[in-house]
Protein backbone atom coordinates (compact mmCIF):
# COMPACT_ATOMS: atom_id res chain seq x y z
CA MET A 1 -7.74 24.23 30.64
CA ALA A 2 -8.82 21.91 27.99
CA HIS A 3 -6.92 21.69 24.71
CA VAL A 4 -9.08 23.00 22.05
CA MET A 5 -8.43 22.00 18.38
CA SER A 6 -8.29 25.02 16.00
CA ILE A 7 -7.45 23.33 12.71
CA SER A 8 -9.86 22.40 9.85
CA ARG A 9 -10.66 18.62 10.11
CA ALA A 10 -13.14 16.10 8.47
CA VAL A 11 -14.91 12.87 9.72
CA THR A 12 -17.06 10.27 7.93
CA ARG A 13 -20.38 9.45 9.44
CA MET A 14 -23.42 7.66 8.52
CA ILE A 15 -26.18 9.63 6.95
CA GLU A 16 -28.94 9.87 9.62
CA PRO A 17 -32.73 10.06 8.97
CA GLY A 18 -33.97 13.70 8.89
CA ASN A 19 -30.63 15.17 7.52
CA SER A 20 -30.98 18.49 5.64
CA ALA A 21 -27.44 19.24 4.64
CA ILE A 22 -26.39 20.23 1.14
CA CYS A 23 -23.16 18.84 -0.37
CA VAL A 24 -20.69 21.69 -0.78
CA GLN A 25 -19.01 19.86 -3.76
CA CYS A 26 -22.15 19.09 -5.76
CA GLY A 27 -24.94 21.17 -4.60
CA ALA A 28 -27.41 18.11 -3.95
CA PRO A 29 -28.92 17.31 -0.64
CA VAL A 30 -27.11 14.64 1.64
CA LYS A 31 -30.29 12.39 1.99
CA PHE A 32 -30.80 9.40 4.12
CA VAL A 33 -31.88 6.26 2.08
CA ALA A 34 -32.86 3.30 4.42
CA ARG A 35 -31.53 0.56 1.93
CA ALA A 36 -28.38 2.46 0.79
CA GLN A 37 -26.87 3.22 4.21
CA GLY A 38 -24.95 6.07 2.64
CA LYS A 39 -21.96 8.01 4.25
CA GLN A 40 -21.18 11.76 4.58
CA VAL A 41 -18.13 13.63 5.38
CA ILE A 42 -18.56 16.52 7.80
CA ALA A 43 -15.91 18.99 8.02
CA ASN A 44 -15.26 21.62 10.90
CA VAL A 45 -13.50 24.61 9.01
CA TYR A 46 -11.43 26.93 10.90
CA ILE A 47 -9.90 30.39 9.45
CA ASP A 48 -6.74 31.75 11.23
CA GLY A 49 -7.45 29.51 14.19
CA ASN A 50 -11.32 30.58 14.73
CA TRP A 51 -14.13 28.25 13.84
CA ALA A 52 -15.82 29.32 10.63
CA ARG A 53 -18.48 26.83 9.57
CA VAL A 54 -19.46 23.16 9.05
CA GLU A 55 -19.21 21.84 5.57
CA HIS A 56 -20.97 18.59 4.38
CA PHE A 57 -20.08 16.36 1.59
CA HIS A 58 -21.23 13.08 0.09
CA ALA A 59 -18.40 10.69 0.88
CA ASP A 60 -17.64 10.18 -2.92
CA CYS A 61 -17.81 13.96 -3.30
CA TYR A 62 -15.11 14.55 -0.59
CA GLN A 63 -12.89 12.28 -2.33
CA ASP A 64 -13.69 13.98 -5.72
CA ALA A 65 -12.68 17.13 -3.92
CA GLY A 66 -9.34 15.97 -3.16
CA GLN A 67 -9.98 15.70 0.71
CA PRO A 68 -9.72 19.43 1.35
CA TYR A 69 -9.69 19.08 5.19
CA GLY A 70 -7.38 15.92 5.43
CA ASP A 71 -8.40 12.19 5.77
CA ALA A 72 -11.80 11.58 7.04
CA SER A 73 -11.47 7.91 7.50
CA ASN A 74 -11.68 8.10 11.24
């Protein structure tokens, strides 16, 4: 049986064209801008060992929120 992670965690990724996520910290869209090469943080959130949701943040907003799901620099 494969090991399945069941704790909340976050990763930093480039914002891709067509992204339609909303930042949970500031409420603004996490938008792709060709010249800016922005980054977003995507967090898999688990509650009591069960997957609950995915949360998206602007990279700066994730820092401002105090990195609620841990270091996302991976």
